[in-house]
Amino acid sequence: MAYRPVFAFPLFFIGLLAALTAACSTNSTITHSYVDPLLSKLELKGVLVIGVAQNRENQIVFENMFVKALAPHGVNAVAAHSLLPNAELTADDVIEAAKNNALDTVLVTRYIGASTEEVYHPGTIYYGVTPMYGAGYYGGFPGYYGHAYEVAYQQPVWTSNTTHEVIADLYIADTHEHMWQAVSDTIKAGSTDKLRHDIIASLIGDLKDQDLLQ
């Protein structure tokens, strides 16, 4: 990925499941972030983006979305599935593919799990008010107030918020050094593609906050 000027390009390595793209999403929160100070001093050329998912189709969709989201930042990112067609991969397979394609970093994202919270929304009463035609038309405030009337009532409801947690880690291909990590909690608000977009946006947002992306 295109990091700040120190980098010829930034980096990103990610993976995750089926249920998981712009600036930080309001549906996502970075709950943990770590970056090695040495990362900003490296001249990096490319990143292998990996989505760790049980379902191959989900992996492909996620990796493609992540690569596309990194492109505007000048990142030379490559989706792992385009270089590694086999679903079952070892760490050696990943490192070898990165080196053979001049990608000096690997970014891995894993899906941790989901939690559901019940949220109570109290009912709301909406009022309308009869127009006042003069200061003394209704005999002052008490009379005027008595002409307010209920327009609508919204029943109280319970809703469920499902939060999906993912963890992303960035490694140097040659040395296997762990250089960056972020944990994202994202509330699903819409389709699965929207969820993926929000997760990727939050991770890219953290890279920007860490001054690793332009």
N, C-alpha and C. Protein backbone atom coordinates (compact mmCIF):
# COMPACT_ATOMS: atom_id res chain seq x y z
N MET A 1 0.84 -1.16 0.00
CA MET A 1 0.00 0.00 0.00
C MET A 1 0.88 1.21 0.00
N ALA A 2 0.30 2.29 -0.38
CA ALA A 2 1.11 3.47 -0.46
C ALA A 2 1.13 4.11 0.88
N TYR A 3 2.22 3.96 1.56
CA TYR A 3 2.28 4.57 2.87
C TYR A 3 2.69 6.01 2.68
N ARG A 4 3.02 6.63 3.75
CA ARG A 4 3.42 8.01 3.62
C ARG A 4 4.72 8.07 2.84
N PRO A 5 5.26 9.26 2.54
CA PRO A 5 6.41 9.38 1.67
C PRO A 5 7.55 8.44 2.00
N VAL A 6 7.70 8.04 3.26
CA VAL A 6 8.81 7.17 3.62
C VAL A 6 8.72 5.87 2.84
N PHE A 7 7.52 5.44 2.52
CA PHE A 7 7.33 4.18 1.81
C PHE A 7 7.15 4.44 0.32
N ALA A 8 7.76 3.58 -0.45
CA ALA A 8 7.51 3.66 -1.88
C ALA A 8 6.09 3.19 -2.10
N PHE A 9 5.57 2.43 -1.14
CA PHE A 9 4.21 1.91 -1.21
C PHE A 9 3.85 1.37 0.14
N PRO A 10 2.62 1.43 0.57
CA PRO A 10 2.23 0.85 1.84
C PRO A 10 1.95 -0.64 1.72
N LEU A 11 1.34 -1.20 2.72
CA LEU A 11 1.20 -2.63 2.78
C LEU A 11 -0.11 -3.04 3.40
N PHE A 12 -0.48 -4.25 3.08
CA PHE A 12 -1.69 -4.74 3.73
C PHE A 12 -1.92 -6.22 3.50
N PHE A 13 -2.22 -6.91 4.56
CA PHE A 13 -2.43 -8.34 4.47
C PHE A 13 -3.65 -8.72 5.27
N ILE A 14 -4.64 -9.32 4.65
CA ILE A 14 -5.89 -9.56 5.37
C ILE A 14 -6.65 -10.80 5.00
N GLY A 15 -7.46 -11.23 5.87
CA GLY A 15 -8.33 -12.34 5.61
C GLY A 15 -9.46 -12.38 6.58
N LEU A 16 -10.58 -13.03 6.17
CA LEU A 16 -11.70 -13.19 7.06
C LEU A 16 -12.87 -13.88 6.41
N LEU A 17 -13.92 -14.02 7.16
CA LEU A 17 -15.03 -14.85 6.75
C LEU A 17 -16.05 -14.17 5.87
N ALA A 18 -17.12 -14.90 5.65
CA ALA A 18 -18.17 -14.47 4.72
C ALA A 18 -18.88 -13.22 5.15
N ALA A 19 -18.98 -13.02 6.42
CA ALA A 19 -19.78 -11.88 6.86
C ALA A 19 -19.01 -10.60 7.04
N LEU A 20 -18.21 -10.44 6.45
CA LEU A 20 -17.63 -9.15 6.66
C LEU A 20 -18.15 -8.19 5.59
N THR A 21 -15.51 -0.77 2.64
CA THR A 21 -14.44 -0.83 2.03
C THR A 21 -14.32 0.63 2.15
N ALA A 22 -12.99 3.17 1.92
CA ALA A 22 -13.36 4.47 1.89
C ALA A 22 -12.86 5.11 3.10
N ALA A 23 -13.25 5.66 4.04
CA ALA A 23 -12.74 6.21 5.27
C ALA A 23 -13.35 5.41 6.39
N CYS A 24 -13.07 5.77 7.64
CA CYS A 24 -13.60 5.00 8.74
C CYS A 24 -15.13 5.00 8.74
N SER A 25 -15.70 3.84 8.96
CA SER A 25 -17.15 3.73 8.97
C SER A 25 -17.67 4.01 10.37
N THR A 26 -18.85 4.63 10.45
CA THR A 26 -19.45 4.89 11.75
C THR A 26 -19.91 3.60 12.41
N ASN A 27 -19.98 2.50 11.66
CA ASN A 27 -20.40 1.22 12.22
C ASN A 27 -19.23 0.43 12.78
N SER A 28 -18.00 0.92 12.61
CA SER A 28 -16.80 0.20 13.02
C SER A 28 -16.02 0.94 14.09
N THR A 29 -15.42 0.17 14.99
CA THR A 29 -14.56 0.73 16.03
C THR A 29 -13.28 -0.08 16.10
N ILE A 30 -12.13 0.59 16.07
CA ILE A 30 -10.85 -0.09 16.26
C ILE A 30 -10.64 -0.19 17.77
N THR A 31 -10.66 -1.40 18.29
CA THR A 31 -10.55 -1.61 19.73
C THR A 31 -9.12 -1.84 20.17
N HIS A 32 -8.24 -2.14 19.23
CA HIS A 32 -6.82 -2.35 19.56
C HIS A 32 -5.99 -2.05 18.33
N SER A 33 -4.86 -1.37 18.51
CA SER A 33 -3.98 -1.06 17.39
C SER A 33 -2.54 -1.01 17.88
N TYR A 34 -1.65 -1.62 17.10
CA TYR A 34 -0.23 -1.62 17.44
C TYR A 34 0.57 -1.47 16.16
N VAL A 35 1.63 -0.66 16.19
CA VAL A 35 2.53 -0.56 15.04
C VAL A 35 3.96 -0.49 15.55
N ASP A 36 4.85 -1.23 14.88
CA ASP A 36 6.27 -1.19 15.21
C ASP A 36 6.83 0.12 14.67
N PRO A 37 7.49 0.93 15.50
CA PRO A 37 8.04 2.21 15.04
C PRO A 37 8.98 2.07 13.85
N LEU A 38 9.60 0.91 13.68
CA LEU A 38 10.53 0.71 12.58
C LEU A 38 9.82 0.67 11.22
N LEU A 39 8.51 0.43 11.24
CA LEU A 39 7.77 0.27 9.99
C LEU A 39 7.85 1.52 9.12
N SER A 40 7.80 2.67 9.74
CA SER A 40 7.82 3.92 8.98
C SER A 40 9.17 4.21 8.34
N LYS A 41 10.19 3.43 8.70
CA LYS A 41 11.52 3.65 8.15
C LYS A 41 11.85 2.69 7.00
N LEU A 42 10.92 1.78 6.71
CA LEU A 42 11.18 0.78 5.68
C LEU A 42 10.75 1.26 4.30
N GLU A 43 11.47 0.82 3.29
CA GLU A 43 11.11 1.09 1.90
C GLU A 43 10.41 -0.16 1.36
N LEU A 44 9.10 -0.14 1.37
CA LEU A 44 8.33 -1.33 1.02
C LEU A 44 7.79 -1.24 -0.40
N LYS A 45 7.76 -2.39 -1.07
CA LYS A 45 7.40 -2.41 -2.49
C LYS A 45 6.04 -3.02 -2.79
N GLY A 46 5.50 -3.81 -1.91
CA GLY A 46 4.24 -4.46 -2.24
C GLY A 46 3.70 -5.30 -1.09
N VAL A 47 2.40 -5.63 -1.15
CA VAL A 47 1.78 -6.39 -0.07
C VAL A 47 0.87 -7.48 -0.65
N LEU A 48 0.94 -8.62 -0.03
CA LEU A 48 0.07 -9.74 -0.38
C LEU A 48 -1.11 -9.72 0.58
N VAL A 49 -2.30 -9.55 0.06
CA VAL A 49 -3.50 -9.44 0.88
C VAL A 49 -4.18 -10.80 0.99
N ILE A 50 -4.31 -11.25 2.21
CA ILE A 50 -4.89 -12.58 2.44
C ILE A 50 -6.12 -12.48 3.31
N GLY A 51 -7.18 -13.12 2.89
CA GLY A 51 -8.40 -13.20 3.69
C GLY A 51 -8.56 -14.62 4.19
N VAL A 52 -8.47 -14.80 5.49
CA VAL A 52 -8.59 -16.14 6.07
C VAL A 52 -10.08 -16.44 6.27
N ALA A 53 -10.60 -17.33 5.45
CA ALA A 53 -12.03 -17.65 5.52
C ALA A 53 -12.25 -19.12 5.21
N GLN A 54 -13.25 -19.69 5.83
CA GLN A 54 -13.56 -21.10 5.58
C GLN A 54 -14.15 -21.28 4.19
N ASN A 55 -14.85 -20.28 3.72
CA ASN A 55 -15.48 -20.34 2.41
C ASN A 55 -14.59 -19.65 1.38
N ARG A 56 -14.21 -20.39 0.31
CA ARG A 56 -13.31 -19.86 -0.71
C ARG A 56 -13.90 -18.63 -1.41
N GLU A 57 -15.18 -18.66 -1.70
CA GLU A 57 -15.82 -17.54 -2.38
C GLU A 57 -15.76 -16.27 -1.52
N ASN A 58 -15.98 -16.43 -0.23
CA ASN A 58 -15.90 -15.28 0.67
C ASN A 58 -14.49 -14.70 0.71
N GLN A 59 -13.52 -15.59 0.69
CA GLN A 59 -12.12 -15.15 0.68
C GLN A 59 -11.84 -14.31 -0.56
N ILE A 60 -12.26 -14.80 -1.72
CA ILE A 60 -12.00 -14.11 -2.99
C ILE A 60 -12.65 -12.72 -3.01
N VAL A 61 -13.92 -12.67 -2.57
CA VAL A 61 -14.64 -11.39 -2.57
C VAL A 61 -13.95 -10.40 -1.63
N PHE A 62 -13.60 -10.84 -0.44
CA PHE A 62 -12.99 -9.95 0.54
C PHE A 62 -11.62 -9.45 0.06
N GLU A 63 -10.79 -10.36 -0.44
CA GLU A 63 -9.47 -9.95 -0.91
C GLU A 63 -9.57 -8.96 -2.06
N ASN A 64 -10.48 -9.20 -2.97
CA ASN A 64 -10.66 -8.27 -4.10
C ASN A 64 -11.11 -6.90 -3.63
N MET A 65 -12.03 -6.86 -2.66
CA MET A 65 -12.50 -5.58 -2.13
C MET A 65 -11.37 -4.83 -1.43
N PHE A 66 -10.55 -5.55 -0.71
CA PHE A 66 -9.46 -4.91 0.04
C PHE A 66 -8.42 -4.33 -0.92
N VAL A 67 -8.06 -5.13 -1.93
CA VAL A 67 -7.08 -4.67 -2.93
C VAL A 67 -7.60 -3.42 -3.62
N LYS A 68 -8.88 -3.42 -3.98
CA LYS A 68 -9.48 -2.27 -4.65
C LYS A 68 -9.48 -1.04 -3.74
N ALA A 69 -9.73 -1.23 -2.46
CA ALA A 69 -9.77 -0.12 -1.52
C ALA A 69 -8.38 0.46 -1.26
N LEU A 70 -7.34 -0.35 -1.41
CA LEU A 70 -5.97 0.12 -1.19
C LEU A 70 -5.41 0.88 -2.39
N ALA A 71 -5.94 0.59 -3.58
CA ALA A 71 -5.43 1.18 -4.82
C ALA A 71 -5.36 2.70 -4.78
N PRO A 72 -6.41 3.42 -4.32
CA PRO A 72 -6.35 4.88 -4.30
C PRO A 72 -5.24 5.43 -3.42
N HIS A 73 -4.69 4.61 -2.52
CA HIS A 73 -3.61 5.04 -1.64
C HIS A 73 -2.23 4.72 -2.24
N GLY A 74 -2.22 4.26 -3.49
CA GLY A 74 -0.96 3.97 -4.16
C GLY A 74 -0.30 2.68 -3.72
N VAL A 75 -1.09 1.78 -3.17
CA VAL A 75 -0.53 0.52 -2.67
C VAL A 75 -0.48 -0.54 -3.77
N ASN A 76 0.65 -1.17 -3.90
CA ASN A 76 0.82 -2.29 -4.83
C ASN A 76 0.36 -3.55 -4.10
N ALA A 77 -0.93 -3.75 -4.09
CA ALA A 77 -1.51 -4.87 -3.36
C ALA A 77 -1.98 -5.96 -4.32
N VAL A 78 -1.78 -7.20 -3.92
CA VAL A 78 -2.17 -8.35 -4.74
C VAL A 78 -2.98 -9.30 -3.89
N ALA A 79 -4.12 -9.75 -4.42
CA ALA A 79 -4.97 -10.69 -3.70
C ALA A 79 -4.33 -12.08 -3.70
N ALA A 80 -4.30 -12.71 -2.57
CA ALA A 80 -3.64 -14.01 -2.44
C ALA A 80 -4.25 -15.07 -3.36
N HIS A 81 -5.56 -15.03 -3.54
CA HIS A 81 -6.20 -16.07 -4.34
C HIS A 81 -5.73 -16.06 -5.79
N SER A 82 -5.25 -14.90 -6.28
CA SER A 82 -4.79 -14.81 -7.66
C SER A 82 -3.43 -15.47 -7.86
N LEU A 83 -2.69 -15.65 -6.76
CA LEU A 83 -1.38 -16.30 -6.83
C LEU A 83 -1.39 -17.70 -6.25
N LEU A 84 -2.33 -17.95 -5.37
CA LEU A 84 -2.41 -19.23 -4.67
C LEU A 84 -3.79 -19.82 -4.85
N PRO A 85 -4.00 -20.54 -5.94
CA PRO A 85 -5.32 -21.07 -6.25
C PRO A 85 -5.83 -22.16 -5.31
N ASN A 86 -4.93 -22.81 -4.60
CA ASN A 86 -5.36 -23.88 -3.71
C ASN A 86 -5.91 -23.32 -2.41
N ALA A 87 -6.98 -23.91 -1.94
CA ALA A 87 -7.62 -23.43 -0.71
C ALA A 87 -6.77 -23.71 0.53
N GLU A 88 -6.11 -24.86 0.55
CA GLU A 88 -5.31 -25.24 1.71
C GLU A 88 -3.88 -24.73 1.52
N LEU A 89 -3.48 -23.75 2.34
CA LEU A 89 -2.17 -23.14 2.21
C LEU A 89 -1.38 -23.25 3.52
N THR A 90 -0.06 -23.34 3.38
CA THR A 90 0.81 -23.30 4.55
C THR A 90 1.47 -21.93 4.61
N ALA A 91 2.08 -21.63 5.74
CA ALA A 91 2.78 -20.35 5.89
C ALA A 91 3.90 -20.25 4.86
N ASP A 92 4.56 -21.37 4.59
CA ASP A 92 5.65 -21.37 3.60
C ASP A 92 5.13 -21.04 2.21
N ASP A 93 3.94 -21.54 1.87
CA ASP A 93 3.33 -21.24 0.57
C ASP A 93 3.12 -19.73 0.41
N VAL A 94 2.63 -19.12 1.48
CA VAL A 94 2.33 -17.69 1.45
C VAL A 94 3.60 -16.86 1.29
N ILE A 95 4.60 -17.17 2.09
CA ILE A 95 5.86 -16.43 2.04
C ILE A 95 6.53 -16.59 0.69
N GLU A 96 6.52 -17.80 0.15
CA GLU A 96 7.14 -18.04 -1.15
C GLU A 96 6.43 -17.26 -2.25
N ALA A 97 5.11 -17.24 -2.22
CA ALA A 97 4.34 -16.50 -3.23
C ALA A 97 4.64 -15.01 -3.15
N ALA A 98 4.76 -14.48 -1.93
CA ALA A 98 5.06 -13.06 -1.77
C ALA A 98 6.43 -12.73 -2.34
N LYS A 99 7.42 -13.51 -2.00
CA LYS A 99 8.79 -13.25 -2.47
C LYS A 99 8.90 -13.40 -3.98
N ASN A 100 8.27 -14.42 -4.54
CA ASN A 100 8.35 -14.66 -5.98
C ASN A 100 7.69 -13.55 -6.79
N ASN A 101 6.83 -12.76 -6.14
CA ASN A 101 6.12 -11.69 -6.84
C ASN A 101 6.53 -10.30 -6.33
N ALA A 102 7.71 -10.23 -5.74
CA ALA A 102 8.26 -8.96 -5.26
C ALA A 102 7.34 -8.23 -4.30
N LEU A 103 6.66 -9.00 -3.46
CA LEU A 103 5.80 -8.43 -2.43
C LEU A 103 6.50 -8.65 -1.09
N ASP A 104 6.94 -7.57 -0.48
CA ASP A 104 7.76 -7.74 0.72
C ASP A 104 6.99 -7.76 2.03
N THR A 105 5.67 -7.61 1.96
CA THR A 105 4.86 -7.70 3.17
C THR A 105 3.64 -8.59 2.93
N VAL A 106 3.14 -9.11 4.01
CA VAL A 106 1.93 -9.96 3.96
C VAL A 106 0.97 -9.45 5.03
N LEU A 107 -0.26 -9.24 4.62
CA LEU A 107 -1.26 -8.75 5.58
C LEU A 107 -2.36 -9.80 5.72
N VAL A 108 -2.50 -10.30 6.92
CA VAL A 108 -3.47 -11.37 7.18
C VAL A 108 -4.59 -10.89 8.09
N THR A 109 -5.82 -11.12 7.65
CA THR A 109 -6.97 -10.76 8.49
C THR A 109 -7.79 -12.00 8.79
N ARG A 110 -8.13 -12.15 10.04
CA ARG A 110 -8.89 -13.33 10.46
C ARG A 110 -10.19 -12.88 11.13
N TYR A 111 -11.21 -13.68 10.91
CA TYR A 111 -12.50 -13.44 11.56
C TYR A 111 -12.47 -14.08 12.94
N ILE A 112 -12.77 -13.29 13.97
CA ILE A 112 -12.73 -13.80 15.34
C ILE A 112 -14.08 -14.36 15.78
N GLY A 113 -15.15 -13.66 15.42
CA GLY A 113 -16.47 -14.13 15.81
C GLY A 113 -17.46 -12.99 15.88
N ALA A 114 -18.67 -13.31 16.30
CA ALA A 114 -19.75 -12.33 16.37
C ALA A 114 -20.44 -12.40 17.73
N SER A 115 -20.95 -11.26 18.17
CA SER A 115 -21.73 -11.21 19.40
C SER A 115 -22.99 -10.39 19.14
N THR A 116 -24.06 -10.74 19.81
CA THR A 116 -25.34 -10.06 19.60
C THR A 116 -25.80 -9.39 20.89
N GLU A 117 -26.23 -8.13 20.77
CA GLU A 117 -26.71 -7.36 21.92
C GLU A 117 -28.13 -6.89 21.66
N GLU A 118 -29.00 -7.11 22.63
CA GLU A 118 -30.37 -6.63 22.53
C GLU A 118 -30.43 -5.17 22.98
N VAL A 119 -31.05 -4.33 22.16
CA VAL A 119 -31.12 -2.90 22.46
C VAL A 119 -32.58 -2.46 22.56
N TYR A 120 -32.94 -1.77 23.65
CA TYR A 120 -34.32 -1.31 23.85
C TYR A 120 -34.46 0.14 23.39
N HIS A 121 -35.48 0.39 22.55
CA HIS A 121 -35.77 1.73 22.08
C HIS A 121 -37.14 2.15 22.64
N PRO A 122 -37.17 3.09 23.60
CA PRO A 122 -38.45 3.48 24.22
C PRO A 122 -39.39 4.14 23.22
N GLY A 123 -40.67 4.08 23.50
CA GLY A 123 -41.66 4.70 22.62
C GLY A 123 -41.53 6.22 22.64
N THR A 124 -42.04 6.86 21.61
CA THR A 124 -41.96 8.31 21.48
C THR A 124 -43.33 8.87 21.08
N ILE A 125 -43.73 9.96 21.74
CA ILE A 125 -44.97 10.64 21.40
C ILE A 125 -44.64 11.93 20.67
N TYR A 126 -45.26 12.14 19.53
CA TYR A 126 -45.04 13.35 18.75
C TYR A 126 -46.28 14.25 18.89
N TYR A 127 -46.07 15.54 19.21
CA TYR A 127 -47.16 16.48 19.42
C TYR A 127 -47.21 17.54 18.32
N GLY A 128 -48.43 17.99 18.05
CA GLY A 128 -48.63 19.15 17.20
C GLY A 128 -49.25 20.25 18.04
N VAL A 129 -49.19 21.50 17.57
CA VAL A 129 -49.73 22.62 18.34
C VAL A 129 -50.61 23.47 17.43
N THR A 130 -51.80 23.82 17.93
CA THR A 130 -52.69 24.70 17.18
C THR A 130 -52.04 26.08 17.07
N PRO A 131 -52.04 26.72 15.90
CA PRO A 131 -51.41 28.05 15.74
C PRO A 131 -51.98 29.06 16.72
N MET A 132 -51.10 29.96 17.20
CA MET A 132 -51.53 31.03 18.10
C MET A 132 -51.64 32.31 17.26
N TYR A 133 -52.81 32.94 17.27
CA TYR A 133 -53.04 34.10 16.42
C TYR A 133 -52.77 35.43 17.13
N GLY A 134 -52.51 35.38 18.39
CA GLY A 134 -52.24 36.61 19.12
C GLY A 134 -51.79 36.27 20.51
N ALA A 135 -51.09 37.20 21.16
CA ALA A 135 -50.53 36.91 22.47
C ALA A 135 -51.59 36.47 23.46
N GLY A 136 -52.81 37.03 23.34
CA GLY A 136 -53.83 36.68 24.31
C GLY A 136 -54.93 35.81 23.75
N TYR A 137 -54.67 35.20 22.61
CA TYR A 137 -55.73 34.46 21.91
C TYR A 137 -56.29 33.33 22.76
N TYR A 138 -55.38 32.61 23.46
CA TYR A 138 -55.84 31.50 24.30
C TYR A 138 -55.76 31.87 25.78
N GLY A 139 -55.61 33.18 26.06
CA GLY A 139 -55.55 33.58 27.46
C GLY A 139 -54.21 33.31 28.09
N GLY A 140 -53.14 33.40 27.32
CA GLY A 140 -51.79 33.17 27.86
C GLY A 140 -51.35 31.73 27.69
N PHE A 141 -50.21 31.43 28.26
CA PHE A 141 -49.59 30.11 28.06
C PHE A 141 -50.48 28.94 28.48
N PRO A 142 -51.13 28.99 29.65
CA PRO A 142 -51.95 27.82 30.04
C PRO A 142 -53.00 27.48 29.01
N GLY A 143 -53.65 28.50 28.47
CA GLY A 143 -54.67 28.23 27.47
C GLY A 143 -54.08 27.69 26.19
N TYR A 144 -52.93 28.26 25.79
CA TYR A 144 -52.27 27.81 24.56
C TYR A 144 -51.80 26.38 24.69
N TYR A 145 -51.18 26.07 25.85
CA TYR A 145 -50.65 24.74 26.07
C TYR A 145 -51.75 23.68 25.98
N GLY A 146 -52.94 24.05 26.41
CA GLY A 146 -54.04 23.11 26.39
C GLY A 146 -54.48 22.74 24.99
N HIS A 147 -54.05 23.52 23.99
CA HIS A 147 -54.43 23.24 22.62
C HIS A 147 -53.39 22.40 21.86
N ALA A 148 -52.34 21.99 22.58
CA ALA A 148 -51.39 21.05 21.97
C ALA A 148 -52.10 19.72 21.83
N TYR A 149 -51.78 18.98 20.79
CA TYR A 149 -52.45 17.71 20.59
C TYR A 149 -51.46 16.65 20.10
N GLU A 150 -51.74 15.42 20.46
CA GLU A 150 -50.87 14.30 20.08
C GLU A 150 -51.08 13.98 18.62
N VAL A 151 -49.96 13.88 17.89
CA VAL A 151 -50.02 13.57 16.47
C VAL A 151 -49.77 12.09 16.21
N ALA A 152 -48.76 11.54 16.86
CA ALA A 152 -48.41 10.14 16.60
C ALA A 152 -47.70 9.55 17.80
N TYR A 153 -47.76 8.23 17.88
CA TYR A 153 -47.08 7.52 18.95
C TYR A 153 -46.31 6.35 18.37
N GLN A 154 -45.01 6.31 18.65
CA GLN A 154 -44.17 5.22 18.17
C GLN A 154 -43.99 4.20 19.29
N GLN A 155 -44.38 2.98 19.04
CA GLN A 155 -44.31 1.94 20.05
C GLN A 155 -42.86 1.64 20.43
N PRO A 156 -42.60 1.29 21.68
CA PRO A 156 -41.25 0.86 22.07
C PRO A 156 -40.92 -0.46 21.38
N VAL A 157 -39.65 -0.63 21.02
CA VAL A 157 -39.24 -1.86 20.33
C VAL A 157 -37.88 -2.33 20.84
N TRP A 158 -37.65 -3.62 20.68
CA TRP A 158 -36.33 -4.21 20.94
C TRP A 158 -35.69 -4.56 19.60
N THR A 159 -34.41 -4.24 19.44
CA THR A 159 -33.69 -4.64 18.23
C THR A 159 -32.40 -5.35 18.64
N SER A 160 -31.82 -6.08 17.69
CA SER A 160 -30.58 -6.81 17.94
C SER A 160 -29.44 -6.21 17.12
N ASN A 161 -28.33 -5.89 17.79
CA ASN A 161 -27.13 -5.44 17.10
C ASN A 161 -26.10 -6.56 17.11
N THR A 162 -25.70 -7.00 15.91
CA THR A 162 -24.70 -8.05 15.82
C THR A 162 -23.35 -7.44 15.44
N THR A 163 -22.37 -7.62 16.31
CA THR A 163 -21.04 -7.07 16.11
C THR A 163 -20.07 -8.17 15.66
N HIS A 164 -19.35 -7.90 14.56
CA HIS A 164 -18.37 -8.85 14.02
C HIS A 164 -16.96 -8.34 14.32
N GLU A 165 -16.14 -9.21 14.85
CA GLU A 165 -14.77 -8.83 15.21
C GLU A 165 -13.76 -9.50 14.29
N VAL A 166 -12.82 -8.71 13.77
CA VAL A 166 -11.75 -9.23 12.93
C VAL A 166 -10.42 -8.69 13.44
N ILE A 167 -9.36 -9.41 13.16
CA ILE A 167 -8.02 -8.98 13.53
C ILE A 167 -7.13 -9.03 12.30
N ALA A 168 -6.40 -7.96 12.06
CA ALA A 168 -5.51 -7.87 10.90
C ALA A 168 -4.07 -7.73 11.38
N ASP A 169 -3.16 -8.49 10.76
CA ASP A 169 -1.75 -8.46 11.12
C ASP A 169 -0.90 -8.29 9.88
N LEU A 170 0.16 -7.48 10.00
CA LEU A 170 1.07 -7.23 8.89
C LEU A 170 2.46 -7.77 9.25
N TYR A 171 3.02 -8.54 8.30
CA TYR A 171 4.33 -9.15 8.52
C TYR A 171 5.28 -8.81 7.38
N ILE A 172 6.57 -8.80 7.70
CA ILE A 172 7.60 -8.67 6.68
C ILE A 172 7.88 -10.07 6.14
N ALA A 173 7.83 -10.23 4.82
CA ALA A 173 7.97 -11.56 4.22
C ALA A 173 9.33 -12.19 4.52
N ASP A 174 10.40 -11.43 4.39
CA ASP A 174 11.75 -11.99 4.57
C ASP A 174 12.03 -12.42 6.00
N THR A 175 11.68 -11.58 6.95
CA THR A 175 12.05 -11.83 8.34
C THR A 175 10.91 -12.38 9.20
N HIS A 176 9.69 -12.35 8.68
CA HIS A 176 8.50 -12.79 9.42
C HIS A 176 8.18 -11.88 10.60
N GLU A 177 8.80 -10.70 10.66
CA GLU A 177 8.56 -9.78 11.77
C GLU A 177 7.13 -9.25 11.74
N HIS A 178 6.54 -9.16 12.94
CA HIS A 178 5.17 -8.66 13.10
C HIS A 178 5.25 -7.14 13.24
N MET A 179 4.69 -6.39 12.27
CA MET A 179 4.87 -4.94 12.23
C MET A 179 3.63 -4.12 12.58
N TRP A 180 2.45 -4.69 12.39
CA TRP A 180 1.22 -3.92 12.65
C TRP A 180 0.08 -4.87 12.96
N GLN A 181 -0.81 -4.42 13.84
CA GLN A 181 -2.00 -5.20 14.16
C GLN A 181 -3.13 -4.25 14.51
N ALA A 182 -4.33 -4.61 14.09
CA ALA A 182 -5.52 -3.85 14.45
C ALA A 182 -6.69 -4.81 14.63
N VAL A 183 -7.51 -4.53 15.63
CA VAL A 183 -8.72 -5.31 15.87
C VAL A 183 -9.91 -4.39 15.62
N SER A 184 -10.83 -4.86 14.78
CA SER A 184 -11.99 -4.05 14.41
C SER A 184 -13.28 -4.73 14.85
N ASP A 185 -14.14 -3.95 15.54
CA ASP A 185 -15.48 -4.40 15.89
C ASP A 185 -16.46 -3.64 15.02
N THR A 186 -17.26 -4.36 14.25
CA THR A 186 -18.17 -3.71 13.30
C THR A 186 -19.58 -4.23 13.47
N ILE A 187 -20.52 -3.30 13.64
CA ILE A 187 -21.93 -3.66 13.74
C ILE A 187 -22.48 -3.82 12.33
N LYS A 188 -23.09 -4.94 12.06
CA LYS A 188 -23.65 -5.17 10.73
C LYS A 188 -24.89 -4.31 10.54
N ALA A 189 -24.84 -3.43 9.54
CA ALA A 189 -25.96 -2.54 9.24
C ALA A 189 -26.21 -2.59 7.74
N GLY A 190 -26.87 -3.64 7.30
CA GLY A 190 -27.11 -3.79 5.87
C GLY A 190 -26.64 -5.14 5.37
N SER A 191 -26.20 -5.15 4.12
CA SER A 191 -25.81 -6.40 3.47
C SER A 191 -24.43 -6.86 3.94
N THR A 192 -24.08 -8.08 3.56
CA THR A 192 -22.75 -8.61 3.88
C THR A 192 -21.67 -7.80 3.19
N ASP A 193 -21.93 -7.35 1.96
CA ASP A 193 -20.95 -6.50 1.26
C ASP A 193 -20.73 -5.19 2.01
N LYS A 194 -21.80 -4.64 2.59
CA LYS A 194 -21.67 -3.41 3.38
C LYS A 194 -20.82 -3.68 4.62
N LEU A 195 -21.01 -4.83 5.22
CA LEU A 195 -20.22 -5.21 6.38
C LEU A 195 -18.75 -5.30 6.01
N ARG A 196 -18.46 -5.97 4.89
CA ARG A 196 -17.07 -6.07 4.43
C ARG A 196 -16.49 -4.67 4.20
N HIS A 197 -17.27 -3.82 3.55
CA HIS A 197 -16.83 -2.45 3.26
C HIS A 197 -16.49 -1.71 4.56
N ASP A 198 -17.34 -1.81 5.55
CA ASP A 198 -17.12 -1.12 6.81
C ASP A 198 -15.87 -1.63 7.52
N ILE A 199 -15.66 -2.92 7.49
CA ILE A 199 -14.49 -3.50 8.15
C ILE A 199 -13.21 -3.02 7.47
N ILE A 200 -13.17 -3.12 6.15
CA ILE A 200 -11.99 -2.68 5.41
C ILE A 200 -11.74 -1.20 5.62
N ALA A 201 -12.80 -0.41 5.61
CA ALA A 201 -12.65 1.03 5.82
C ALA A 201 -12.05 1.33 7.18
N SER A 202 -12.47 0.60 8.20
CA SER A 202 -11.94 0.85 9.54
C SER A 202 -10.46 0.49 9.62
N LEU A 203 -10.06 -0.59 8.97
CA LEU A 203 -8.65 -1.00 8.99
C LEU A 203 -7.78 -0.02 8.22
N ILE A 204 -8.26 0.42 7.08
CA ILE A 204 -7.53 1.42 6.31
C ILE A 204 -7.46 2.74 7.09
N GLY A 205 -8.54 3.05 7.78
CA GLY A 205 -8.54 4.25 8.62
C GLY A 205 -7.47 4.19 9.69
N ASP A 206 -7.27 3.01 10.28
CA ASP A 206 -6.24 2.89 11.31
C ASP A 206 -4.85 3.02 10.70
N LEU A 207 -4.63 2.46 9.52
CA LEU A 207 -3.34 2.62 8.84
C LEU A 207 -3.05 4.10 8.59
N LYS A 208 -4.09 4.85 8.23
CA LYS A 208 -3.92 6.28 8.02
C LYS A 208 -3.62 6.99 9.35
N ASP A 209 -4.33 6.59 10.39
CA ASP A 209 -4.09 7.19 11.70
C ASP A 209 -2.67 6.92 12.19
N GLN A 210 -2.13 5.78 11.81
CA GLN A 210 -0.77 5.42 12.19
C GLN A 210 0.26 6.05 11.25
N ASP A 211 -0.22 6.85 10.31
CA ASP A 211 0.64 7.55 9.34
C ASP A 211 1.36 6.56 8.43
N LEU A 212 0.69 5.47 8.10
CA LEU A 212 1.28 4.45 7.24
C LEU A 212 0.71 4.52 5.82
N LEU A 213 -0.40 5.20 5.67
CA LEU A 213 -1.04 5.35 4.35
C LEU A 213 -1.22 6.83 4.06
N GLN A 214 -1.16 7.17 2.78
CA GLN A 214 -1.41 8.54 2.37
C GLN A 214 -2.91 8.81 2.32
